[in-house]
Amino acid sequence: MPQVVAQGKLIECERQANLRQVLVDNGVDLHNGSSKVINCRGLGSCGTCAVKVEGEMSAANWRDRTRRSLPPHSPTSELRLACQTQVLGNVKVTKFDGFWGQGSQIVWTPEG
């Protein structure tokens, strides 16, 4: 089974599991500030679940690419929308600051 490492947690999940759902179901703080209340709940339209993902994951789909092409995100950024990402193997997740997670300061790393 693939393993997701995020915010100091080691989480096992099914292959092709939705990264957002895995994180939320396991108590990982995926959203910053008010975006904990104001977000699209996984539809891929708001962009607040943006994270850096390292490891085996699905390719970015059209929703992910489209939302990250709009400000404050950037299509050249290494971030991904957790709600549009499938876990294909072991991954490590890092969250950055900013309402949309687009900032430059790390909020949490895989280790904590």
C-alpha atoms as a PDB file:
ATOM      1  CA  MET A   1       0.000   0.000   0.000  1.00  0.00           C
ATOM      2  CA  PRO A   2       1.234   3.511  -0.758  1.00  0.00           C
ATOM      3  CA  GLN A   3       2.272   5.711   2.137  1.00  0.00           C
ATOM      4  CA  VAL A   4       1.602   9.440   2.484  1.00  0.00           C
ATOM      5  CA  VAL A   5       3.858  11.431   4.821  1.00  0.00           C
ATOM      6  CA  ALA A   6       2.383  14.807   5.826  1.00  0.00           C
ATOM      7  CA  GLN A   7       2.485  17.019   8.919  1.00  0.00           C
ATOM      8  CA  GLY A   8       4.386  14.372  10.873  1.00  0.00           C
ATOM      9  CA  LYS A   9       1.930  11.589  10.041  1.00  0.00           C
ATOM     10  CA  LEU A  10       2.584   8.373   8.151  1.00  0.00           C
ATOM     11  CA  ILE A  11      -0.658   7.354   6.450  1.00  0.00           C
ATOM     12  CA  GLU A  12      -1.285   4.217   4.420  1.00  0.00           C
ATOM     13  CA  CYS A  13      -3.869   4.420   1.659  1.00  0.00           C
ATOM     14  CA  GLU A  14      -5.137   2.595  -1.383  1.00  0.00           C
ATOM     15  CA  ARG A  15      -3.400   3.122  -4.724  1.00  0.00           C
ATOM     16  CA  GLN A  16      -5.238   5.864  -6.688  1.00  0.00           C
ATOM     17  CA  ALA A  17      -6.703   7.334  -3.484  1.00  0.00           C
ATOM     18  CA  ASN A  18      -7.552  11.035  -3.636  1.00  0.00           C
ATOM     19  CA  LEU A  19      -4.795  12.936  -1.795  1.00  0.00           C
ATOM     20  CA  ARG A  20      -7.153  15.560  -0.337  1.00  0.00           C
ATOM     21  CA  GLN A  21      -9.452  12.905   1.084  1.00  0.00           C
ATOM     22  CA  VAL A  22      -6.542  10.943   2.563  1.00  0.00           C
ATOM     23  CA  LEU A  23      -5.194  14.066   4.283  1.00  0.00           C
ATOM     24  CA  VAL A  24      -8.563  15.332   5.556  1.00  0.00           C
ATOM     25  CA  ASP A  25      -9.625  11.870   6.789  1.00  0.00           C
ATOM     26  CA  ASN A  26      -6.407  11.654   8.810  1.00  0.00           C
ATOM     27  CA  GLY A  27      -6.582  15.052  10.493  1.00  0.00           C
ATOM     28  CA  VAL A  28      -3.954  16.840   8.418  1.00  0.00           C
ATOM     29  CA  ASP A  29      -4.394  20.645   8.372  1.00  0.00           C
ATOM     30  CA  LEU A  30      -4.773  21.040   4.601  1.00  0.00           C
ATOM     31  CA  HIS A  31      -6.215  24.569   4.531  1.00  0.00           C
ATOM     32  CA  ASN A  32      -4.790  27.840   5.872  1.00  0.00           C
ATOM     33  CA  GLY A  33      -6.803  30.410   7.852  1.00  0.00           C
ATOM     34  CA  SER A  34     -10.279  31.141   6.532  1.00  0.00           C
ATOM     35  CA  SER A  35      -9.857  28.640   3.706  1.00  0.00           C
ATOM     36  CA  LYS A  36     -10.664  25.962   6.313  1.00  0.00           C
ATOM     37  CA  VAL A  37     -14.253  27.203   6.019  1.00  0.00           C
ATOM     38  CA  ILE A  38     -14.275  28.783   2.552  1.00  0.00           C
ATOM     39  CA  ASN A  39     -13.145  26.131   0.062  1.00  0.00           C
ATOM     40  CA  CYS A  40     -14.703  24.120  -2.761  1.00  0.00           C
ATOM     41  CA  ARG A  41     -14.645  20.806  -0.852  1.00  0.00           C
ATOM     42  CA  GLY A  42     -12.647  19.034  -3.528  1.00  0.00           C
ATOM     43  CA  LEU A  43     -14.155  20.290  -6.767  1.00  0.00           C
ATOM     44  CA  GLY A  44     -10.871  21.765  -7.995  1.00  0.00           C
ATOM     45  CA  SER A  45     -12.233  25.279  -8.400  1.00  0.00           C
ATOM     46  CA  CYS A  46     -10.813  27.219  -5.444  1.00  0.00           C
ATOM     47  CA  GLY A  47      -7.149  26.213  -5.297  1.00  0.00           C
ATOM     48  CA  THR A  48      -6.839  26.388  -1.488  1.00  0.00           C
ATOM     49  CA  CYS A  49      -5.593  22.796  -1.161  1.00  0.00           C
ATOM     50  CA  ALA A  50      -2.402  23.526  -3.106  1.00  0.00           C
ATOM     51  CA  VAL A  51       0.555  21.550  -1.754  1.00  0.00           C
ATOM     52  CA  LYS A  52       3.987  20.419  -2.866  1.00  0.00           C
ATOM     53  CA  VAL A  53       3.888  16.683  -3.533  1.00  0.00           C
ATOM     54  CA  GLU A  54       7.003  14.579  -3.989  1.00  0.00           C
ATOM     55  CA  GLY A  55       6.725  10.980  -5.113  1.00  0.00           C
ATOM     56  CA  GLU A  56       4.431   8.857  -7.229  1.00  0.00           C
ATOM     57  CA  MET A  57       1.229  10.704  -8.132  1.00  0.00           C
ATOM     58  CA  SER A  58      -1.123  11.095 -11.063  1.00  0.00           C
ATOM     59  CA  ALA A  59      -0.365  13.614 -13.783  1.00  0.00           C
ATOM     60  CA  ALA A  60      -2.048  16.992 -13.358  1.00  0.00           C
ATOM     61  CA  ASN A  61      -5.541  16.878 -14.859  1.00  0.00           C
ATOM     62  CA  TRP A  62      -7.264  19.770 -16.654  1.00  0.00           C
ATOM     63  CA  ARG A  63      -8.900  21.112 -13.458  1.00  0.00           C
ATOM     64  CA  ASP A  64      -5.580  21.209 -11.649  1.00  0.00           C
ATOM     65  CA  ARG A  65      -3.782  22.849 -14.584  1.00  0.00           C
ATOM     66  CA  THR A  66      -6.598  25.358 -15.178  1.00  0.00           C
ATOM     67  CA  ARG A  67      -6.898  26.527 -11.550  1.00  0.00           C
ATOM     68  CA  ARG A  68      -3.134  26.772 -11.118  1.00  0.00           C
ATOM     69  CA  SER A  69      -2.935  28.901 -14.274  1.00  0.00           C
ATOM     70  CA  LEU A  70      -4.930  31.641 -12.491  1.00  0.00           C
ATOM     71  CA  PRO A  71      -3.622  34.075  -9.858  1.00  0.00           C
ATOM     72  CA  PRO A  72      -2.398  33.842  -7.228  1.00  0.00           C
ATOM     73  CA  HIS A  73      -1.115  30.482  -8.466  1.00  0.00           C
ATOM     74  CA  SER A  74       1.294  30.032 -11.339  1.00  0.00           C
ATOM     75  CA  PRO A  75       1.326  27.254 -13.933  1.00  0.00           C
ATOM     76  CA  THR A  76       5.107  27.020 -13.517  1.00  0.00           C
ATOM     77  CA  SER A  77       4.840  26.403  -9.767  1.00  0.00           C
ATOM     78  CA  GLU A  78       5.665  22.969  -8.402  1.00  0.00           C
ATOM     79  CA  LEU A  79       2.426  22.937  -6.397  1.00  0.00           C
ATOM     80  CA  ARG A  80      -0.496  20.603  -7.040  1.00  0.00           C
ATOM     81  CA  LEU A  81      -4.134  20.666  -5.955  1.00  0.00           C
ATOM     82  CA  ALA A  82      -4.521  17.839  -3.431  1.00  0.00           C
ATOM     83  CA  CYS A  83      -8.171  17.398  -4.453  1.00  0.00           C
ATOM     84  CA  GLN A  84      -7.166  16.609  -8.036  1.00  0.00           C
ATOM     85  CA  THR A  85      -4.212  14.343  -7.242  1.00  0.00           C
ATOM     86  CA  GLN A  86      -4.269  10.569  -6.964  1.00  0.00           C
ATOM     87  CA  VAL A  87      -1.687   8.761  -4.851  1.00  0.00           C
ATOM     88  CA  LEU A  88       0.037   6.127  -6.997  1.00  0.00           C
ATOM     89  CA  GLY A  89       2.916   5.271  -4.647  1.00  0.00           C
ATOM     90  CA  ASN A  90       4.736   6.745  -1.676  1.00  0.00           C
ATOM     91  CA  VAL A  91       4.461  10.545  -1.450  1.00  0.00           C
ATOM     92  CA  LYS A  92       5.643  13.343   0.812  1.00  0.00           C
ATOM     93  CA  VAL A  93       3.538  16.481   1.174  1.00  0.00           C
ATOM     94  CA  THR A  94       4.558  20.035   2.156  1.00  0.00           C
ATOM     95  CA  LYS A  95       2.135  22.923   2.822  1.00  0.00           C
ATOM     96  CA  PHE A  96       2.996  26.608   2.295  1.00  0.00           C
ATOM     97  CA  ASP A  97       1.401  29.758   3.729  1.00  0.00           C
ATOM     98  CA  GLY A  98      -1.100  32.074   2.057  1.00  0.00           C
ATOM     99  CA  PHE A  99      -4.855  31.668   1.709  1.00  0.00           C
ATOM    100  CA  TRP A 100      -4.364  29.440  -1.338  1.00  0.00           C
ATOM    101  CA  GLY A 101      -1.199  27.777  -0.031  1.00  0.00           C
ATOM    102  CA  GLN A 102       0.778  29.683  -2.660  1.00  0.00           C
ATOM    103  CA  GLY A 103       3.161  31.491  -0.272  1.00  0.00           C
ATOM    104  CA  SER A 104       6.890  31.014   0.152  1.00  0.00           C
ATOM    105  CA  GLN A 105       6.930  30.148   3.872  1.00  0.00           C
ATOM    106  CA  ILE A 106       6.502  26.520   4.886  1.00  0.00           C
ATOM    107  CA  VAL A 107       3.535  25.873   7.209  1.00  0.00           C
ATOM    108  CA  TRP A 108       4.338  22.176   7.672  1.00  0.00           C
ATOM    109  CA  THR A 109       6.616  19.587   6.121  1.00  0.00           C
ATOM    110  CA  PRO A 110       6.241  15.843   5.705  1.00  0.00           C
ATOM    111  CA  GLU A 111       8.014  15.375   9.016  1.00  0.00           C
ATOM    112  CA  GLY A 112       5.946  17.856  10.997  1.00  0.00           C
END
